């Protein structure tokens, strides 16, 4: 068995598709009307469908998981993030951990937590 995808819930699938393409270069692999698979295995699911499947409310910014990306030029990435999305909500701006890794944590437009760090 192998893990194929990670799914996150989004309110506006077009906005989220742009966000993940603009910042991370992810492209659409498959578009199934409210369920989009992007390169690298990230799936965007429209909130209304997810809510229907679960029969429960969606809790945004629940801080129970994060998407993790690595980027060698993290300073350049942060510049791009702030240029394209100046109102981004940071958990922590660019910082350096005690072990030397640089990271930034922020939310996507729907409150999904993202960490971008330099390769270890």
N, C-alpha and C. Protein backbone atom coordinates (compact mmCIF):
# COMPACT_ATOMS: atom_id res chain seq x y z
N UNK A 1 0.84 -1.17 0.00
CA UNK A 1 0.00 0.00 0.00
C UNK A 1 0.89 1.24 0.00
N UNK A 2 0.41 2.31 -0.66
CA UNK A 2 1.16 3.56 -0.63
C UNK A 2 0.19 4.73 -0.58
N UNK A 3 0.64 5.79 0.05
CA UNK A 3 -0.15 7.01 0.12
C UNK A 3 -0.14 7.67 -1.25
N UNK A 4 -1.32 7.97 -1.79
CA UNK A 4 -1.43 8.56 -3.12
C UNK A 4 -1.61 10.07 -3.09
N UNK A 5 -2.46 10.55 -2.20
CA UNK A 5 -2.80 11.97 -2.21
C UNK A 5 -3.03 12.48 -0.79
N UNK A 6 -2.97 13.81 -0.68
CA UNK A 6 -3.40 14.51 0.53
C UNK A 6 -4.46 15.49 0.07
N UNK A 7 -5.62 15.49 0.74
CA UNK A 7 -6.74 16.32 0.36
C UNK A 7 -6.92 17.44 1.38
N UNK A 8 -7.12 18.64 0.87
CA UNK A 8 -7.47 19.77 1.73
C UNK A 8 -8.78 20.38 1.24
N UNK A 9 -9.53 20.94 2.16
CA UNK A 9 -10.82 21.53 1.85
C UNK A 9 -10.63 23.02 1.59
N UNK A 10 -11.29 23.51 0.52
CA UNK A 10 -11.19 24.92 0.15
C UNK A 10 -12.57 25.46 -0.19
N UNK A 11 -12.75 26.75 0.05
CA UNK A 11 -14.03 27.39 -0.25
C UNK A 11 -14.14 27.75 -1.74
N UNK A 12 -13.09 28.31 -2.30
CA UNK A 12 -13.08 28.77 -3.69
C UNK A 12 -11.98 28.01 -4.42
N UNK A 13 -12.36 27.02 -5.18
CA UNK A 13 -11.39 26.13 -5.80
C UNK A 13 -10.52 26.86 -6.83
N UNK A 14 -11.07 27.82 -7.53
CA UNK A 14 -10.29 28.57 -8.53
C UNK A 14 -9.23 29.43 -7.83
N UNK A 15 -9.62 30.07 -6.76
CA UNK A 15 -8.68 30.89 -5.98
C UNK A 15 -7.55 30.01 -5.43
N UNK A 16 -7.90 28.86 -4.90
CA UNK A 16 -6.90 27.95 -4.34
C UNK A 16 -6.01 27.37 -5.42
N UNK A 17 -6.57 27.08 -6.56
CA UNK A 17 -5.79 26.56 -7.68
C UNK A 17 -4.72 27.59 -8.09
N UNK A 18 -5.11 28.86 -8.16
CA UNK A 18 -4.15 29.93 -8.47
C UNK A 18 -3.08 30.04 -7.39
N UNK A 19 -3.50 30.01 -6.13
CA UNK A 19 -2.58 30.13 -4.99
C UNK A 19 -1.49 29.06 -5.08
N UNK A 20 -1.88 27.81 -5.23
CA UNK A 20 -0.90 26.72 -5.25
C UNK A 20 -0.08 26.70 -6.52
N UNK A 21 -0.62 27.24 -7.60
CA UNK A 21 0.18 27.36 -8.83
C UNK A 21 1.16 28.52 -8.71
N UNK A 22 0.66 29.69 -8.28
CA UNK A 22 1.51 30.89 -8.17
C UNK A 22 2.71 30.66 -7.27
N UNK A 23 2.47 30.06 -6.12
CA UNK A 23 3.54 29.94 -5.11
C UNK A 23 4.37 28.67 -5.24
N UNK A 24 3.75 27.57 -5.59
CA UNK A 24 4.45 26.28 -5.55
C UNK A 24 4.59 25.62 -6.92
N UNK A 25 4.03 26.25 -7.95
CA UNK A 25 4.16 25.70 -9.31
C UNK A 25 3.35 24.43 -9.53
N UNK A 26 2.35 24.18 -8.69
CA UNK A 26 1.53 22.98 -8.85
C UNK A 26 0.51 23.18 -9.98
N UNK A 27 0.41 22.20 -10.84
CA UNK A 27 -0.51 22.26 -11.98
C UNK A 27 -1.62 21.23 -11.82
N UNK A 28 -2.71 21.44 -12.52
CA UNK A 28 -3.85 20.53 -12.48
C UNK A 28 -3.53 19.26 -13.26
N UNK A 29 -3.71 18.13 -12.60
CA UNK A 29 -3.56 16.83 -13.24
C UNK A 29 -4.93 16.32 -13.66
N UNK A 30 -5.94 16.51 -12.80
CA UNK A 30 -7.29 16.03 -13.05
C UNK A 30 -8.28 16.96 -12.39
N UNK A 31 -9.32 17.35 -13.13
CA UNK A 31 -10.37 18.23 -12.61
C UNK A 31 -11.69 17.48 -12.67
N UNK A 32 -12.21 17.12 -11.50
CA UNK A 32 -13.47 16.38 -11.42
C UNK A 32 -14.56 17.21 -10.75
N UNK A 33 -14.81 18.41 -11.27
CA UNK A 33 -15.91 19.24 -10.79
C UNK A 33 -15.94 19.36 -9.27
N UNK A 34 -15.10 20.22 -8.75
CA UNK A 34 -15.05 20.44 -7.31
C UNK A 34 -14.05 19.58 -6.58
N UNK A 35 -13.31 18.78 -7.33
CA UNK A 35 -12.29 17.89 -6.77
C UNK A 35 -11.13 17.91 -7.77
N UNK A 36 -10.08 18.64 -7.43
CA UNK A 36 -8.97 18.83 -8.36
C UNK A 36 -7.71 18.20 -7.80
N UNK A 37 -7.07 17.38 -8.61
CA UNK A 37 -5.79 16.79 -8.23
C UNK A 37 -4.70 17.63 -8.88
N UNK A 38 -3.76 18.08 -8.06
CA UNK A 38 -2.62 18.86 -8.53
C UNK A 38 -1.37 17.99 -8.56
N UNK A 39 -0.35 18.44 -9.27
CA UNK A 39 0.92 17.74 -9.26
C UNK A 39 1.41 17.64 -7.83
N UNK A 40 2.25 16.70 -7.55
CA UNK A 40 2.78 16.39 -6.22
C UNK A 40 1.74 15.73 -5.32
N UNK A 41 0.54 15.43 -5.86
CA UNK A 41 -0.45 14.68 -5.09
C UNK A 41 -1.36 15.47 -4.19
N UNK A 42 -1.36 16.79 -4.31
CA UNK A 42 -2.25 17.61 -3.50
C UNK A 42 -3.63 17.65 -4.16
N UNK A 43 -4.67 17.39 -3.37
CA UNK A 43 -6.04 17.42 -3.88
C UNK A 43 -6.77 18.58 -3.20
N UNK A 44 -7.46 19.37 -4.02
CA UNK A 44 -8.32 20.44 -3.52
C UNK A 44 -9.76 19.97 -3.64
N UNK A 45 -10.48 19.99 -2.53
CA UNK A 45 -11.88 19.57 -2.50
C UNK A 45 -12.73 20.76 -2.08
N UNK A 46 -13.73 21.10 -2.89
CA UNK A 46 -14.61 22.21 -2.53
C UNK A 46 -15.37 21.90 -1.25
N UNK A 47 -15.44 22.90 -0.39
CA UNK A 47 -16.05 22.73 0.92
C UNK A 47 -17.45 22.14 0.86
N UNK A 48 -18.27 22.61 -0.07
CA UNK A 48 -19.66 22.13 -0.11
C UNK A 48 -19.73 20.62 -0.34
N UNK A 49 -18.83 20.07 -1.14
CA UNK A 49 -18.84 18.63 -1.37
C UNK A 49 -18.33 17.87 -0.15
N UNK A 50 -17.29 18.39 0.46
CA UNK A 50 -16.72 17.74 1.65
C UNK A 50 -17.74 17.73 2.79
N UNK A 51 -18.43 18.85 2.95
CA UNK A 51 -19.45 18.97 3.98
C UNK A 51 -20.57 17.96 3.73
N UNK A 52 -20.93 17.79 2.47
CA UNK A 52 -21.96 16.83 2.09
C UNK A 52 -21.51 15.40 2.40
N UNK A 53 -20.25 15.08 2.08
CA UNK A 53 -19.72 13.74 2.34
C UNK A 53 -19.70 13.44 3.84
N UNK A 54 -19.24 14.41 4.62
CA UNK A 54 -19.09 14.20 6.06
C UNK A 54 -20.38 14.37 6.84
N UNK A 55 -21.21 15.28 6.36
CA UNK A 55 -22.42 15.62 7.12
C UNK A 55 -22.08 16.40 8.37
N UNK A 56 -20.96 17.10 8.35
CA UNK A 56 -20.51 17.87 9.50
C UNK A 56 -19.98 19.22 9.04
N UNK A 57 -19.88 20.16 9.99
CA UNK A 57 -19.30 21.46 9.69
C UNK A 57 -17.79 21.33 9.47
N UNK A 58 -17.26 22.21 8.66
CA UNK A 58 -15.82 22.26 8.40
C UNK A 58 -15.22 23.25 9.39
N UNK A 59 -14.13 22.86 10.03
CA UNK A 59 -13.46 23.73 11.00
C UNK A 59 -12.18 24.26 10.38
N UNK A 60 -12.21 25.53 10.00
CA UNK A 60 -11.04 26.15 9.38
C UNK A 60 -10.00 26.51 10.44
N UNK A 61 -8.76 26.61 10.01
CA UNK A 61 -7.64 26.95 10.90
C UNK A 61 -7.63 26.08 12.14
N UNK A 62 -7.81 24.78 11.95
CA UNK A 62 -7.85 23.89 13.11
C UNK A 62 -6.46 23.52 13.60
N UNK A 63 -5.43 23.87 12.84
CA UNK A 63 -4.04 23.69 13.28
C UNK A 63 -3.68 22.25 13.64
N UNK A 64 -4.34 21.30 13.03
CA UNK A 64 -4.07 19.90 13.37
C UNK A 64 -3.13 19.23 12.37
N UNK A 65 -2.81 19.91 11.29
CA UNK A 65 -1.85 19.36 10.32
C UNK A 65 -1.31 20.51 9.47
N UNK A 66 -0.28 20.21 8.70
CA UNK A 66 0.26 21.24 7.81
C UNK A 66 0.77 20.59 6.54
N UNK A 67 0.81 21.37 5.49
CA UNK A 67 1.48 20.98 4.25
C UNK A 67 2.91 21.48 4.37
N UNK A 68 3.87 20.63 4.06
CA UNK A 68 5.27 21.00 4.19
C UNK A 68 5.93 20.99 2.82
N UNK A 69 6.58 22.09 2.48
CA UNK A 69 7.32 22.23 1.23
C UNK A 69 8.76 22.61 1.55
N UNK A 70 9.68 22.22 0.68
CA UNK A 70 11.07 22.63 0.84
C UNK A 70 11.46 23.55 -0.31
N UNK A 71 12.26 24.55 0.02
CA UNK A 71 12.71 25.53 -0.97
C UNK A 71 14.11 26.01 -0.59
N UNK A 72 15.06 25.86 -1.49
CA UNK A 72 16.44 26.30 -1.23
C UNK A 72 16.52 27.82 -1.11
N UNK A 73 15.83 28.52 -2.02
CA UNK A 73 15.84 29.98 -1.99
C UNK A 73 14.63 30.48 -1.20
N UNK A 74 14.66 30.27 0.10
CA UNK A 74 13.49 30.60 0.92
C UNK A 74 13.26 32.11 1.00
N UNK A 75 14.33 32.90 0.98
CA UNK A 75 14.14 34.36 1.00
C UNK A 75 13.41 34.80 -0.27
N UNK A 76 13.78 34.23 -1.41
CA UNK A 76 13.09 34.53 -2.67
C UNK A 76 11.64 34.09 -2.62
N UNK A 77 11.40 32.93 -2.00
CA UNK A 77 10.03 32.45 -1.87
C UNK A 77 9.19 33.41 -1.04
N UNK A 78 9.72 33.87 0.08
CA UNK A 78 8.98 34.79 0.96
C UNK A 78 8.69 36.10 0.22
N UNK A 79 9.64 36.58 -0.57
CA UNK A 79 9.40 37.78 -1.37
C UNK A 79 8.23 37.55 -2.33
N UNK A 80 8.23 36.39 -3.00
CA UNK A 80 7.15 36.06 -3.94
C UNK A 80 5.82 35.95 -3.21
N UNK A 81 5.82 35.30 -2.06
CA UNK A 81 4.60 35.16 -1.25
C UNK A 81 4.03 36.53 -0.91
N UNK A 82 4.87 37.43 -0.45
CA UNK A 82 4.40 38.75 -0.04
C UNK A 82 4.02 39.64 -1.22
N UNK A 83 4.62 39.38 -2.38
CA UNK A 83 4.26 40.12 -3.59
C UNK A 83 2.88 39.70 -4.09
N UNK A 84 2.66 38.37 -4.22
CA UNK A 84 1.39 37.86 -4.74
C UNK A 84 0.27 37.89 -3.71
N UNK A 85 0.62 37.69 -2.45
CA UNK A 85 -0.38 37.59 -1.38
C UNK A 85 0.04 38.45 -0.19
N UNK A 86 -0.03 39.78 -0.35
CA UNK A 86 0.46 40.69 0.69
C UNK A 86 -0.30 40.59 2.01
N UNK A 87 -1.51 40.06 1.99
CA UNK A 87 -2.29 39.94 3.21
C UNK A 87 -2.18 38.56 3.85
N UNK A 88 -1.16 37.81 3.46
CA UNK A 88 -0.99 36.45 3.99
C UNK A 88 -0.95 36.49 5.52
N UNK A 89 -1.58 35.50 6.14
CA UNK A 89 -1.60 35.42 7.60
C UNK A 89 -0.49 34.46 8.03
N UNK A 90 0.54 35.02 8.63
CA UNK A 90 1.68 34.23 9.09
C UNK A 90 1.39 33.61 10.46
N UNK A 91 1.89 32.40 10.66
CA UNK A 91 2.00 31.82 11.98
C UNK A 91 3.36 32.25 12.53
N UNK A 92 4.39 32.10 11.71
CA UNK A 92 5.68 32.72 12.01
C UNK A 92 6.34 33.12 10.70
N UNK A 93 6.86 34.32 10.72
CA UNK A 93 7.62 34.80 9.57
C UNK A 93 8.92 34.02 9.49
N UNK A 94 9.69 34.28 8.47
CA UNK A 94 10.95 33.56 8.27
C UNK A 94 11.78 33.58 9.55
N UNK A 95 12.16 32.38 9.99
CA UNK A 95 12.95 32.23 11.22
C UNK A 95 13.96 31.11 11.00
N UNK A 96 14.88 30.99 11.93
CA UNK A 96 15.89 29.93 11.85
C UNK A 96 15.77 29.07 13.11
N UNK A 97 15.56 27.77 12.91
CA UNK A 97 15.52 26.84 14.04
C UNK A 97 16.93 26.65 14.61
N UNK A 98 17.01 26.12 15.82
CA UNK A 98 18.30 25.90 16.48
C UNK A 98 19.20 24.97 15.67
N UNK A 99 18.62 24.11 14.84
CA UNK A 99 19.42 23.18 14.02
C UNK A 99 19.80 23.77 12.68
N UNK A 100 19.47 25.06 12.44
CA UNK A 100 19.93 25.77 11.26
C UNK A 100 18.95 25.84 10.09
N UNK A 101 17.84 25.16 10.19
CA UNK A 101 16.86 25.20 9.10
C UNK A 101 16.05 26.49 9.17
N UNK A 102 15.91 27.14 8.00
CA UNK A 102 15.07 28.33 7.89
C UNK A 102 13.66 27.88 7.50
N UNK A 103 12.65 28.46 8.16
CA UNK A 103 11.27 28.11 7.88
C UNK A 103 10.36 29.33 8.01
N UNK A 104 9.24 29.24 7.31
CA UNK A 104 8.15 30.20 7.47
C UNK A 104 6.86 29.39 7.49
N UNK A 105 5.92 29.79 8.34
CA UNK A 105 4.62 29.12 8.41
C UNK A 105 3.53 30.17 8.21
N UNK A 106 2.54 29.77 7.43
CA UNK A 106 1.44 30.68 7.12
C UNK A 106 0.23 29.87 6.70
N UNK A 107 -0.90 30.55 6.58
CA UNK A 107 -2.14 29.90 6.16
C UNK A 107 -2.42 30.19 4.69
N UNK A 108 -2.99 29.21 4.01
CA UNK A 108 -3.49 29.46 2.66
C UNK A 108 -4.80 30.24 2.79
N UNK A 109 -5.43 30.63 1.70
CA UNK A 109 -6.66 31.44 1.80
C UNK A 109 -7.79 30.80 2.60
N UNK A 110 -7.74 29.48 2.80
CA UNK A 110 -8.80 28.78 3.52
C UNK A 110 -8.40 28.33 4.91
N UNK A 111 -7.25 28.76 5.38
CA UNK A 111 -6.85 28.43 6.73
C UNK A 111 -6.08 27.12 6.86
N UNK A 112 -5.66 26.54 5.73
CA UNK A 112 -4.82 25.35 5.78
C UNK A 112 -3.39 25.79 6.08
N UNK A 113 -2.77 25.18 7.07
CA UNK A 113 -1.44 25.56 7.52
C UNK A 113 -0.37 25.04 6.57
N UNK A 114 0.57 25.91 6.23
CA UNK A 114 1.65 25.57 5.31
C UNK A 114 2.97 25.94 5.98
N UNK A 115 3.95 25.06 5.84
CA UNK A 115 5.32 25.36 6.26
C UNK A 115 6.20 25.22 5.03
N UNK A 116 7.07 26.21 4.85
CA UNK A 116 8.11 26.13 3.81
C UNK A 116 9.44 26.24 4.53
N UNK A 117 10.28 25.26 4.28
CA UNK A 117 11.59 25.23 4.93
C UNK A 117 12.69 24.94 3.95
N UNK A 118 13.90 25.27 4.35
CA UNK A 118 15.05 24.94 3.52
C UNK A 118 15.33 23.43 3.68
N UNK A 119 15.86 22.81 2.63
CA UNK A 119 16.16 21.37 2.71
C UNK A 119 17.13 21.06 3.84
N UNK A 120 16.95 19.94 4.46
CA UNK A 120 17.83 19.50 5.56
C UNK A 120 18.84 18.49 5.03
